[in-house]
Amino acid sequence: MEDKPKRVRQKPSLGLALVPVVLTLVAIGVQIFYFGDFTPHIPLAIGLAITSLVGVKLGFRWKRIEDGVFHVINVSLPSVSVLILVGMIIGVWIASGTVPSLIYYGLLLLSPAFFLAAAMLICAVVSVSLGTSWGTVGTVGLALVGIGAGFEIPLYWTAGAVVSGAFFGDKISPLSDTTNLASAVTGNDVFSHIKNMMPTTIPAMLIALVIYLVVGFTMIDDQVASFERIDAITASLDEHFTISVWLLLPALLVIGLAVKKMPPIPSLFAGVVAGAITAMLVQGVGLHDIVTYANYGYSIETGVEAMDSLLNRGGIQSMMWTISLILIALGFGGALEKTGCLETIIKAIMSKVRSFKGVQTSAIATSFATNLVAGDPYLSVALPGRMYAPTYRGLGYSTLNLSRGVEEGGTLMSPLIPWNAGGAFVISVLGLGIGEGSVENLLYIPLAFACWLSPLIGILYAQMGWFSPKATDAERAMWEKQGEAIASSEALGAAADAAVTSPTPAPSSS
């Protein structure tokens, strides 16, 4: 029987590769800005369909495109698991009194003038400890939003400070998945990678800290905050919950497990269990209610509107909007990668740059653009990290420059794109997409100073030649070994292919 002829797959031209990207961005823009409806799910699904049609035109079978879609989704499943656990934690920790206690003591101990700066630093420390920006935003970040509401600080200012700290802490944590991914795809040690990020991390954090302090002392001082409002919130919390410093133990348990280098998923689940036990023993909540809160979220009517809007949330089901958006966005990104559209666009950019300053700037911009188009922070780190590495080696520069660049354009810019996995999570958990002020709340994007200052500082360093290490002798030796290993692997693959395709000799008689 003759084998079926293999379908010839072509590489897309730049014009064809841009078609699904441009049409999808247009569809998202129409949905959000023309219809005023912040639900980019359908535009991204349309983009996935358009990309699939482009793939068919290029000679791809649907099964190949489908494999690309589900491969990227499969890689993201640990993060989806974190989302589910964060939803459970929010519902259970509100019921246990952990989040109310954090809000209560925060209103009593924090000063409105220092609040934004303190929020950024607290989230940074917690995120470094947990190794997950999402876990930090969904726990400590949520409590800080409640404290900010008590101080009558606009939600978008609080969200900007929370995002700045949480995603910067994630960037420099050795427990972070994106930090390890960036170092792995560029062939670097994770601690060398973290050390090389400090020249952009520290200035960006310091500038953001100064801005938050200036804003706190000029726009949000103690006289502006309504002490009647604060008293009403603390009195309401005291009435409906048992408030105690001991109720902070579930949060301390999660942080302690993270410091012990326990993986994020079991650490967060331990937080759910600790919160459930605390809710039953201290707040008198029944077991069935705990299960309900973990699934559907907490529900209460305190009589204080600000508290009701903050405390009536959480649960697995509250994460479904975000999870569905992430899965569709990741599928779109996987289709773009499998059909070669992203590769064609990146190669077109790479062909225009010859100097280190151009390559470094392009790597940062490409990571951001991948985030913008594909909606996937992992793809925005992995794809440019793989494709730009040979260019850095050819120029004689350390790929530590590349790993820093993809973190800046990938990890840090992810929460600033509303339809990206990171942005969708932030908007959903912090309530930025709820109510009449939902569009105004998107002001958190420019107010997350630390996130977008870091890539700008990285581009400045590239142009000036500062903090841009050349390849060491050890790196060059490692590259040579890797090249030899790849060449050997390719030779073995070619020999195997030749053995398979060559005619099989007739058995000899003895």
Protein backbone atom coordinates (compact mmCIF):
# COMPACT_ATOMS: atom_id res chain seq x y z
CA MET A 1 0.00 0.00 0.00
CA GLU A 2 1.38 3.39 -0.93
CA ASP A 3 1.84 5.94 1.82
CA LYS A 4 -0.34 9.01 1.60
CA PRO A 5 1.67 11.94 0.26
CA LYS A 6 2.71 14.33 2.99
CA ARG A 7 1.01 17.70 2.87
CA VAL A 8 3.57 20.41 2.07
CA ARG A 9 3.53 23.11 4.72
CA GLN A 10 4.71 26.56 3.74
CA LYS A 11 6.07 29.34 5.88
CA PRO A 12 3.70 32.34 5.93
CA SER A 13 4.81 35.57 4.34
CA LEU A 14 5.01 38.59 6.64
CA GLY A 15 1.80 39.99 5.19
CA LEU A 16 -0.11 36.75 5.71
CA ALA A 17 1.35 36.29 9.22
CA LEU A 18 0.08 39.74 10.19
CA VAL A 19 -3.49 39.08 9.00
CA PRO A 20 -4.75 37.18 12.09
CA VAL A 21 -2.84 39.50 14.42
CA VAL A 22 -4.20 42.73 12.96
CA LEU A 23 -7.78 41.46 12.56
CA THR A 24 -7.84 40.15 16.14
CA LEU A 25 -6.59 43.44 17.58
CA VAL A 26 -9.19 45.30 15.53
CA ALA A 27 -11.94 42.99 16.83
CA ILE A 28 -10.77 43.50 20.43
CA GLY A 29 -10.68 47.27 19.93
CA VAL A 30 -14.21 47.33 18.53
CA GLN A 31 -15.51 45.16 21.37
CA ILE A 32 -13.95 47.26 24.14
CA PHE A 33 -13.93 50.83 22.80
CA TYR A 34 -16.87 50.89 20.35
CA PHE A 35 -19.34 48.60 22.10
CA GLY A 36 -17.98 49.47 25.56
CA ASP A 37 -18.04 45.79 26.51
CA PHE A 38 -14.94 44.47 28.23
CA THR A 39 -15.31 40.83 27.22
CA PRO A 40 -12.55 40.01 24.73
CA HIS A 41 -13.37 36.28 24.70
CA ILE A 42 -15.21 36.23 21.37
CA PRO A 43 -12.71 38.47 19.49
CA LEU A 44 -9.90 36.14 20.61
CA ALA A 45 -11.94 33.09 19.56
CA ILE A 46 -12.45 34.73 16.17
CA GLY A 47 -8.69 35.32 16.02
CA LEU A 48 -8.12 31.62 16.72
CA ALA A 49 -10.45 30.73 13.86
CA ILE A 50 -8.72 33.15 11.47
CA THR A 51 -5.30 31.76 12.42
CA SER A 52 -6.55 28.23 11.79
CA LEU A 53 -7.74 29.23 8.32
CA VAL A 54 -4.31 30.74 7.62
CA GLY A 55 -2.76 27.47 8.77
CA VAL A 56 -4.98 25.43 6.42
CA LYS A 57 -4.00 27.74 3.56
CA LEU A 58 -0.33 27.07 4.40
CA GLY A 59 -0.88 23.30 4.21
CA PHE A 60 -1.41 22.43 7.86
CA ARG A 61 -3.88 19.73 8.75
CA TRP A 62 -6.35 20.67 11.47
CA LYS A 63 -4.88 18.02 13.79
CA ARG A 64 -1.49 19.80 13.72
CA ILE A 65 -3.06 23.16 14.52
CA GLU A 66 -5.12 21.56 17.27
CA ASP A 67 -1.98 20.00 18.77
CA GLY A 68 -0.36 23.45 18.89
CA VAL A 69 -3.40 24.95 20.58
CA PHE A 70 -3.67 22.27 23.26
CA HIS A 71 0.09 22.10 23.84
CA VAL A 72 0.18 25.72 25.00
CA ILE A 73 -2.99 25.24 27.06
CA ASN A 74 -1.48 22.14 28.68
CA VAL A 75 1.64 24.11 29.67
CA SER A 76 -0.57 26.69 31.39
CA LEU A 77 -2.60 24.22 33.48
CA PRO A 78 -0.46 24.68 36.64
CA SER A 79 -1.27 28.40 36.52
CA VAL A 80 -4.96 27.63 36.02
CA SER A 81 -4.69 25.43 39.13
CA VAL A 82 -3.29 28.40 41.03
CA LEU A 83 -6.28 30.46 39.87
CA ILE A 84 -8.70 27.85 41.18
CA LEU A 85 -6.92 27.73 44.54
CA VAL A 86 -6.81 31.51 44.80
CA GLY A 87 -10.57 31.60 44.23
CA MET A 88 -11.03 29.06 47.05
CA ILE A 89 -8.67 30.98 49.35
CA ILE A 90 -10.48 34.28 48.83
CA GLY A 91 -13.87 32.80 49.76
CA VAL A 92 -12.57 30.76 52.71
CA TRP A 93 -10.22 33.44 54.10
CA ILE A 94 -13.04 35.98 54.14
CA ALA A 95 -15.23 33.49 56.03
CA SER A 96 -12.41 32.68 58.46
CA GLY A 97 -11.84 36.34 59.30
CA THR A 98 -8.32 36.36 57.86
CA VAL A 99 -9.04 38.98 55.18
CA PRO A 100 -11.32 41.04 57.49
CA SER A 101 -8.57 41.02 60.15
CA LEU A 102 -5.98 42.16 57.61
CA ILE A 103 -8.27 45.02 56.58
CA TYR A 104 -9.11 45.88 60.20
CA TYR A 105 -5.52 46.11 61.43
CA GLY A 106 -4.40 47.77 58.21
CA LEU A 107 -6.90 50.59 58.70
CA LEU A 108 -5.72 51.03 62.29
CA LEU A 109 -1.96 50.79 61.72
CA LEU A 110 -1.29 52.18 58.23
CA SER A 111 -1.23 55.89 57.44
CA PRO A 112 -3.06 57.05 54.30
CA ALA A 113 -0.01 59.09 53.30
CA PHE A 114 2.27 56.03 53.35
CA PHE A 115 -0.35 53.55 52.17
CA LEU A 116 0.52 53.27 48.44
CA ALA A 117 4.25 52.91 49.09
CA ALA A 118 3.59 50.38 51.86
CA ALA A 119 1.19 48.41 49.62
CA MET A 120 3.84 48.06 46.93
CA LEU A 121 6.53 46.94 49.37
CA ILE A 122 4.25 44.49 51.20
CA CYS A 123 3.18 42.85 47.93
CA ALA A 124 6.80 42.68 46.73
CA VAL A 125 7.95 40.89 49.89
CA VAL A 126 5.02 38.44 49.86
CA SER A 127 5.45 37.75 46.14
CA VAL A 128 9.17 37.00 46.51
CA SER A 129 8.28 34.59 49.32
CA LEU A 130 5.41 32.86 47.47
CA GLY A 131 6.95 32.96 44.00
CA THR A 132 3.54 33.79 42.54
CA SER A 133 2.21 37.24 41.69
CA TRP A 134 -1.30 35.82 41.23
CA GLY A 135 -1.36 34.34 44.73
CA THR A 136 -0.16 37.65 46.17
CA VAL A 137 -2.76 39.73 44.32
CA GLY A 138 -5.58 37.37 45.31
CA THR A 139 -4.75 37.35 49.03
CA VAL A 140 -2.75 40.29 50.40
CA GLY A 141 -3.66 42.45 47.40
CA LEU A 142 -7.38 41.96 48.02
CA ALA A 143 -6.97 43.01 51.67
CA LEU A 144 -5.02 46.10 50.61
CA VAL A 145 -7.85 47.06 48.24
CA GLY A 146 -10.17 46.99 51.27
CA ILE A 147 -7.80 49.17 53.28
CA GLY A 148 -7.50 51.60 50.38
CA ALA A 149 -11.30 51.80 50.13
CA GLY A 150 -11.39 52.69 53.82
CA PHE A 151 -8.93 55.52 53.19
CA GLU A 152 -11.05 56.68 50.20
CA ILE A 153 -8.11 56.11 47.88
CA PRO A 154 -9.22 55.52 44.27
CA LEU A 155 -9.22 51.83 43.43
CA TYR A 156 -6.95 52.28 40.41
CA TRP A 157 -4.21 53.83 42.57
CA THR A 158 -4.30 50.93 45.03
CA ALA A 159 -4.36 48.41 42.18
CA GLY A 160 -1.37 50.09 40.53
CA ALA A 161 0.68 49.79 43.74
CA VAL A 162 -0.41 46.17 44.32
CA VAL A 163 0.44 45.14 40.75
CA SER A 164 3.81 46.94 40.89
CA GLY A 165 4.86 45.05 44.01
CA ALA A 166 3.33 41.67 43.23
CA PHE A 167 4.71 41.26 39.71
CA PHE A 168 8.10 42.71 40.60
CA GLY A 169 8.40 40.27 43.47
CA ASP A 170 7.45 37.46 41.09
CA LYS A 171 10.15 38.59 38.66
CA ILE A 172 13.02 38.22 41.13
CA SER A 173 11.79 35.19 43.08
CA PRO A 174 13.73 31.96 42.50
CA LEU A 175 10.41 30.14 43.11
CA SER A 176 8.65 31.91 40.24
CA ASP A 177 7.72 29.85 37.18
CA THR A 178 8.38 32.68 34.71
CA THR A 179 11.76 33.46 36.30
CA ASN A 180 12.83 29.84 35.93
CA LEU A 181 11.38 29.70 32.41
CA ALA A 182 13.32 32.79 31.28
CA SER A 183 16.61 31.41 32.60
CA ALA A 184 15.95 27.93 31.18
CA VAL A 185 15.06 28.94 27.59
CA THR A 186 18.15 31.17 27.38
CA GLY A 187 20.48 28.59 28.97
CA ASN A 188 21.32 30.52 32.14
CA ASP A 189 21.53 29.74 35.83
CA VAL A 190 18.46 31.12 37.62
CA PHE A 191 20.47 32.96 40.30
CA SER A 192 22.75 34.57 37.71
CA HIS A 193 19.60 35.62 35.88
CA ILE A 194 18.11 37.18 39.03
CA LYS A 195 21.38 38.99 39.81
CA ASN A 196 21.51 40.43 36.30
CA MET A 197 17.97 41.83 36.68
CA MET A 198 18.90 43.99 39.67
CA PRO A 199 20.24 46.95 37.62
CA THR A 200 16.76 47.50 36.18
CA THR A 201 14.74 46.17 39.12
CA ILE A 202 16.15 48.38 41.86
CA PRO A 203 15.89 51.75 40.00
CA ALA A 204 12.35 50.98 38.80
CA MET A 205 11.23 50.07 42.33
CA LEU A 206 12.88 53.15 43.84
CA ILE A 207 11.31 55.50 41.29
CA ALA A 208 7.89 53.90 41.84
CA LEU A 209 8.35 54.14 45.62
CA VAL A 210 9.15 57.87 45.39
CA ILE A 211 6.12 58.48 43.15
CA TYR A 212 3.78 56.68 45.56
CA LEU A 213 5.22 58.62 48.50
CA VAL A 214 4.81 61.95 46.71
CA VAL A 215 1.23 61.09 45.74
CA GLY A 216 0.53 59.97 49.30
CA PHE A 217 1.77 63.19 50.87
CA THR A 218 0.26 65.56 48.28
CA MET A 219 -3.03 63.91 47.25
CA ILE A 220 -3.89 61.36 49.92
CA ASP A 221 -2.95 62.75 53.30
CA ASP A 222 -4.52 62.08 56.69
CA GLN A 223 -6.89 65.01 56.34
CA VAL A 224 -8.44 63.67 53.15
CA ALA A 225 -9.34 60.26 54.54
CA SER A 226 -12.76 60.17 56.18
CA PHE A 227 -12.29 58.91 59.72
CA GLU A 228 -16.05 58.43 60.01
CA ARG A 229 -15.85 56.06 57.06
CA ILE A 230 -12.92 54.19 58.62
CA ASP A 231 -14.79 53.91 61.93
CA ALA A 232 -17.88 52.62 60.12
CA ILE A 233 -15.85 49.93 58.31
CA THR A 234 -13.93 48.76 61.39
CA ALA A 235 -17.12 48.74 63.49
CA SER A 236 -18.91 46.70 60.81
CA LEU A 237 -16.03 44.21 60.62
CA ASP A 238 -15.97 43.93 64.42
CA GLU A 239 -19.71 43.30 64.44
CA HIS A 240 -19.80 40.55 61.82
CA PHE A 241 -16.46 38.80 62.44
CA THR A 242 -14.26 37.80 65.34
CA ILE A 243 -11.15 39.93 64.74
CA SER A 244 -7.81 38.71 66.09
CA VAL A 245 -4.14 38.66 65.14
CA TRP A 246 -4.34 34.86 65.44
CA LEU A 247 -6.55 34.84 62.37
CA LEU A 248 -3.53 35.90 60.32
CA LEU A 249 -2.05 32.42 60.85
CA PRO A 250 -3.41 30.96 57.55
CA ALA A 251 -1.61 33.71 55.63
CA LEU A 252 1.58 33.21 57.66
CA LEU A 253 1.36 29.46 57.05
CA VAL A 254 1.32 29.93 53.27
CA ILE A 255 4.26 32.35 53.41
CA GLY A 256 6.17 30.00 55.72
CA LEU A 257 5.67 27.04 53.39
CA ALA A 258 6.86 29.16 50.48
CA VAL A 259 9.99 30.17 52.42
CA LYS A 260 10.60 26.44 52.99
CA LYS A 261 10.49 26.17 49.16
CA MET A 262 7.31 24.15 49.04
CA PRO A 263 5.64 24.30 45.59
CA PRO A 264 2.91 26.98 45.22
CA ILE A 265 -0.04 24.61 44.63
CA PRO A 266 0.28 22.51 47.83
CA SER A 267 1.19 25.68 49.78
CA LEU A 268 -1.97 27.45 48.63
CA PHE A 269 -4.10 24.35 49.29
CA ALA A 270 -2.70 24.21 52.83
CA GLY A 271 -3.89 27.82 53.15
CA VAL A 272 -7.39 26.76 52.10
CA VAL A 273 -7.45 23.97 54.71
CA ALA A 274 -6.09 26.25 57.45
CA GLY A 275 -8.68 28.90 56.57
CA ALA A 276 -11.49 26.33 56.65
CA ILE A 277 -10.45 25.05 60.09
CA THR A 278 -10.16 28.61 61.39
CA ALA A 279 -13.59 29.55 60.02
CA MET A 280 -15.23 26.60 61.76
CA LEU A 281 -13.41 26.95 65.11
CA VAL A 282 -13.36 30.76 65.45
CA GLN A 283 -16.23 32.11 63.34
CA GLY A 284 -18.60 29.17 63.90
CA VAL A 285 -19.07 28.50 60.18
CA GLY A 286 -20.53 25.11 59.25
CA LEU A 287 -18.72 22.62 57.01
CA HIS A 288 -21.32 22.89 54.23
CA ASP A 289 -21.00 26.69 54.28
CA ILE A 290 -17.23 26.35 53.93
CA VAL A 291 -17.70 24.20 50.83
CA THR A 292 -20.18 26.75 49.44
CA TYR A 293 -17.83 29.68 50.05
CA ALA A 294 -14.93 27.81 48.43
CA ASN A 295 -17.02 27.11 45.34
CA TYR A 296 -19.33 30.14 44.96
CA GLY A 297 -17.60 32.76 47.11
CA TYR A 298 -18.45 34.48 50.37
CA SER A 299 -21.72 36.35 50.81
CA ILE A 300 -22.70 38.87 53.50
CA GLU A 301 -24.70 42.05 54.00
CA THR A 302 -22.95 44.34 56.49
CA GLY A 303 -24.93 47.49 55.71
CA VAL A 304 -21.69 49.22 54.61
CA GLU A 305 -21.67 49.32 50.81
CA ALA A 306 -17.87 49.51 50.52
CA MET A 307 -17.47 46.39 52.64
CA ASP A 308 -20.23 44.44 50.92
CA SER A 309 -18.67 45.01 47.49
CA LEU A 310 -15.29 43.86 48.81
CA LEU A 311 -16.34 40.87 50.91
CA ASN A 312 -18.93 39.36 48.54
CA ARG A 313 -16.46 37.64 46.28
CA GLY A 314 -14.15 34.67 45.86
CA GLY A 315 -14.85 31.03 45.08
CA ILE A 316 -13.91 28.82 42.16
CA GLN A 317 -16.84 30.02 40.07
CA SER A 318 -15.65 33.64 40.30
CA MET A 319 -12.50 32.57 38.45
CA MET A 320 -14.32 31.01 35.49
CA TRP A 321 -14.49 34.29 33.55
CA THR A 322 -10.74 34.68 33.90
CA ILE A 323 -9.96 31.01 33.24
CA SER A 324 -12.09 30.92 30.09
CA LEU A 325 -10.39 34.07 28.80
CA ILE A 326 -6.96 32.63 29.54
CA LEU A 327 -7.72 29.34 27.79
CA ILE A 328 -9.00 31.09 24.65
CA ALA A 329 -6.06 33.52 24.62
CA LEU A 330 -3.58 30.69 25.09
CA GLY A 331 -5.23 28.71 22.30
CA PHE A 332 -4.90 31.72 20.01
CA GLY A 333 -1.23 32.06 20.92
CA GLY A 334 -0.63 28.35 20.37
CA ALA A 335 -2.20 28.52 16.90
CA LEU A 336 -0.05 31.54 16.01
CA GLU A 337 3.07 29.67 17.09
CA LYS A 338 2.18 26.37 15.41
CA THR A 339 1.37 27.99 12.03
CA GLY A 340 4.65 29.92 12.08
CA CYS A 341 2.99 33.35 12.13
CA LEU A 342 4.81 34.49 15.26
CA GLU A 343 8.12 33.10 14.00
CA THR A 344 7.76 34.96 10.69
CA ILE A 345 7.01 38.26 12.45
CA ILE A 346 9.92 37.85 14.88
CA LYS A 347 12.34 36.93 12.09
CA ALA A 348 11.23 40.00 10.11
CA ILE A 349 12.10 42.14 13.14
CA MET A 350 15.43 40.35 13.68
CA SER A 351 16.44 40.85 10.05
CA LYS A 352 16.35 44.62 10.54
CA VAL A 353 18.71 44.79 13.51
CA ARG A 354 22.45 44.25 13.46
CA SER A 355 23.78 45.87 16.66
CA PHE A 356 23.42 44.79 20.28
CA LYS A 357 21.37 47.86 21.16
CA GLY A 358 18.92 47.04 18.37
CA VAL A 359 18.71 43.35 19.30
CA GLN A 360 18.15 44.05 23.00
CA THR A 361 15.45 46.63 22.28
CA SER A 362 13.82 44.26 19.79
CA ALA A 363 13.83 41.37 22.29
CA ILE A 364 12.03 43.48 24.91
CA ALA A 365 9.57 44.81 22.33
CA THR A 366 8.95 41.35 20.89
CA SER A 367 8.14 39.92 24.32
CA PHE A 368 5.69 42.75 24.91
CA ALA A 369 4.13 42.33 21.45
CA THR A 370 3.74 38.58 22.01
CA ASN A 371 2.01 39.38 25.30
CA LEU A 372 -0.21 41.86 23.49
CA VAL A 373 -1.16 39.56 20.64
CA ALA A 374 -1.07 36.04 22.06
CA GLY A 375 -2.27 36.92 25.57
CA ASP A 376 0.16 34.42 27.09
CA PRO A 377 2.97 35.48 29.48
CA TYR A 378 4.68 32.10 29.08
CA LEU A 379 4.78 32.30 25.30
CA SER A 380 6.05 35.89 25.53
CA VAL A 381 9.04 34.63 27.53
CA ALA A 382 9.70 31.30 25.81
CA LEU A 383 9.35 32.20 22.12
CA PRO A 384 11.63 35.28 21.96
CA GLY A 385 13.97 33.58 24.42
CA ARG A 386 14.44 30.66 22.02
CA MET A 387 14.61 32.66 18.82
CA TYR A 388 16.90 35.53 19.85
CA ALA A 389 19.51 33.41 21.68
CA PRO A 390 21.61 32.60 18.55
CA THR A 391 21.77 36.31 17.65
CA TYR A 392 23.22 37.20 21.06
CA ARG A 393 25.79 34.45 20.71
CA GLY A 394 26.75 35.67 17.27
CA LEU A 395 27.28 39.19 18.63
CA GLY A 396 29.35 37.86 21.54
CA TYR A 397 26.96 39.09 24.24
CA SER A 398 25.80 37.09 27.22
CA THR A 399 22.30 35.65 26.93
CA LEU A 400 21.72 37.03 30.44
CA ASN A 401 20.83 40.22 28.57
CA LEU A 402 18.17 38.28 26.70
CA SER A 403 16.72 36.58 29.79
CA ARG A 404 16.40 39.98 31.47
CA GLY A 405 14.79 41.46 28.36
CA VAL A 406 12.12 38.78 28.01
CA GLU A 407 11.26 39.08 31.71
CA GLU A 408 10.82 42.83 31.32
CA GLY A 409 8.70 42.61 28.19
CA GLY A 410 6.97 39.39 29.26
CA THR A 411 6.44 38.96 33.01
CA LEU A 412 6.15 42.63 33.92
CA MET A 413 3.97 43.76 31.02
CA SER A 414 1.53 40.85 31.33
CA PRO A 415 -0.71 42.46 34.01
CA LEU A 416 -0.94 45.69 32.02
CA ILE A 417 -2.76 44.08 29.06
CA PRO A 418 -6.45 43.57 29.96
CA TRP A 419 -6.98 40.50 27.74
CA ASN A 420 -3.69 38.89 28.76
CA ALA A 421 -3.75 36.12 31.36
CA GLY A 422 -2.12 38.40 33.95
CA GLY A 423 -4.29 41.42 33.19
CA ALA A 424 -7.51 39.40 33.17
CA PHE A 425 -6.65 37.94 36.57
CA VAL A 426 -5.85 41.33 38.14
CA ILE A 427 -9.05 42.91 36.79
CA SER A 428 -11.21 40.01 37.94
CA VAL A 429 -9.77 39.50 41.44
CA LEU A 430 -9.45 43.17 42.41
CA GLY A 431 -12.88 44.04 41.01
CA LEU A 432 -11.56 46.50 38.45
CA GLY A 433 -14.09 45.44 35.82
CA ILE A 434 -17.14 45.80 38.08
CA GLY A 435 -19.53 48.75 38.15
CA GLU A 436 -19.82 52.04 36.34
CA GLY A 437 -16.20 53.00 36.97
CA SER A 438 -14.76 49.88 35.35
CA VAL A 439 -13.26 51.78 32.39
CA GLU A 440 -11.81 54.40 34.73
CA ASN A 441 -10.30 51.61 36.84
CA LEU A 442 -8.11 50.65 33.88
CA LEU A 443 -6.02 53.66 34.91
CA TYR A 444 -4.19 51.14 37.11
CA ILE A 445 -2.21 50.30 33.94
CA PRO A 446 -0.16 53.55 33.77
CA LEU A 447 -0.10 53.72 37.58
CA ALA A 448 1.71 50.38 37.93
CA PHE A 449 4.95 52.33 37.56
CA ALA A 450 7.41 49.61 38.48
CA CYS A 451 6.13 47.29 35.75
CA TRP A 452 6.61 49.58 32.75
CA LEU A 453 9.60 51.53 34.07
CA SER A 454 11.79 48.43 34.12
CA PRO A 455 11.66 47.72 30.35
CA LEU A 456 12.23 51.42 29.62
CA ILE A 457 15.32 51.38 31.85
CA GLY A 458 16.44 48.17 30.11
CA ILE A 459 16.14 49.86 26.70
CA LEU A 460 18.09 52.87 28.00
CA TYR A 461 20.89 50.59 29.22
CA ALA A 462 21.01 48.89 25.82
CA GLN A 463 21.36 52.21 24.01
CA MET A 464 24.09 53.42 26.38
CA GLY A 465 25.88 50.08 26.68
CA TRP A 466 25.42 50.00 30.45
CA PHE A 467 24.90 46.76 32.41
CA SER A 468 25.14 44.80 29.15
CA PRO A 469 27.60 41.98 29.86
CA LYS A 470 29.62 40.33 27.10
CA ALA A 471 29.80 36.55 26.95
CA THR A 472 32.36 35.02 29.30
CA ASP A 473 34.81 32.28 28.31
CA ALA A 474 32.71 29.81 30.31
CA GLU A 475 29.58 30.78 28.36
CA ARG A 476 31.40 30.42 25.02
CA ALA A 477 32.63 26.98 26.02
CA MET A 478 29.08 25.98 27.02
CA TRP A 479 27.74 27.24 23.65
CA GLU A 480 30.32 25.12 21.81
CA LYS A 481 29.29 22.01 23.76
CA GLN A 482 25.63 22.73 23.07
CA GLY A 483 26.40 23.17 19.37
CA GLU A 484 28.27 19.87 19.26
CA ALA A 485 25.38 18.11 21.02
CA ILE A 486 22.85 19.57 18.58
CA ALA A 487 24.98 18.60 15.58
CA SER A 488 25.37 15.06 16.92
CA SER A 489 21.62 14.80 17.51
CA GLU A 490 20.86 16.02 13.99
CA ALA A 491 23.33 13.53 12.51
CA LEU A 492 21.71 10.65 14.41
CA GLY A 493 18.27 11.83 13.28
CA ALA A 494 19.41 11.96 9.65
CA ALA A 495 20.89 8.47 9.90
CA ALA A 496 17.67 7.14 11.40
CA ASP A 497 15.61 8.76 8.64
CA ALA A 498 17.92 7.23 6.01
CA ALA A 499 17.58 3.80 7.58
CA VAL A 500 13.80 4.06 7.56
CA THR A 501 13.49 5.29 3.98
CA SER A 502 16.14 2.98 2.39
CA PRO A 503 14.87 -0.26 0.86
CA THR A 504 15.01 -3.26 3.18
CA PRO A 505 17.38 -5.97 1.81
CA ALA A 506 15.94 -9.41 1.12
CA PRO A 507 16.77 -11.95 3.82
CA SER A 508 19.71 -14.15 2.87
CA SER A 509 19.52 -17.91 2.99
CA SER A 510 22.07 -19.77 5.00
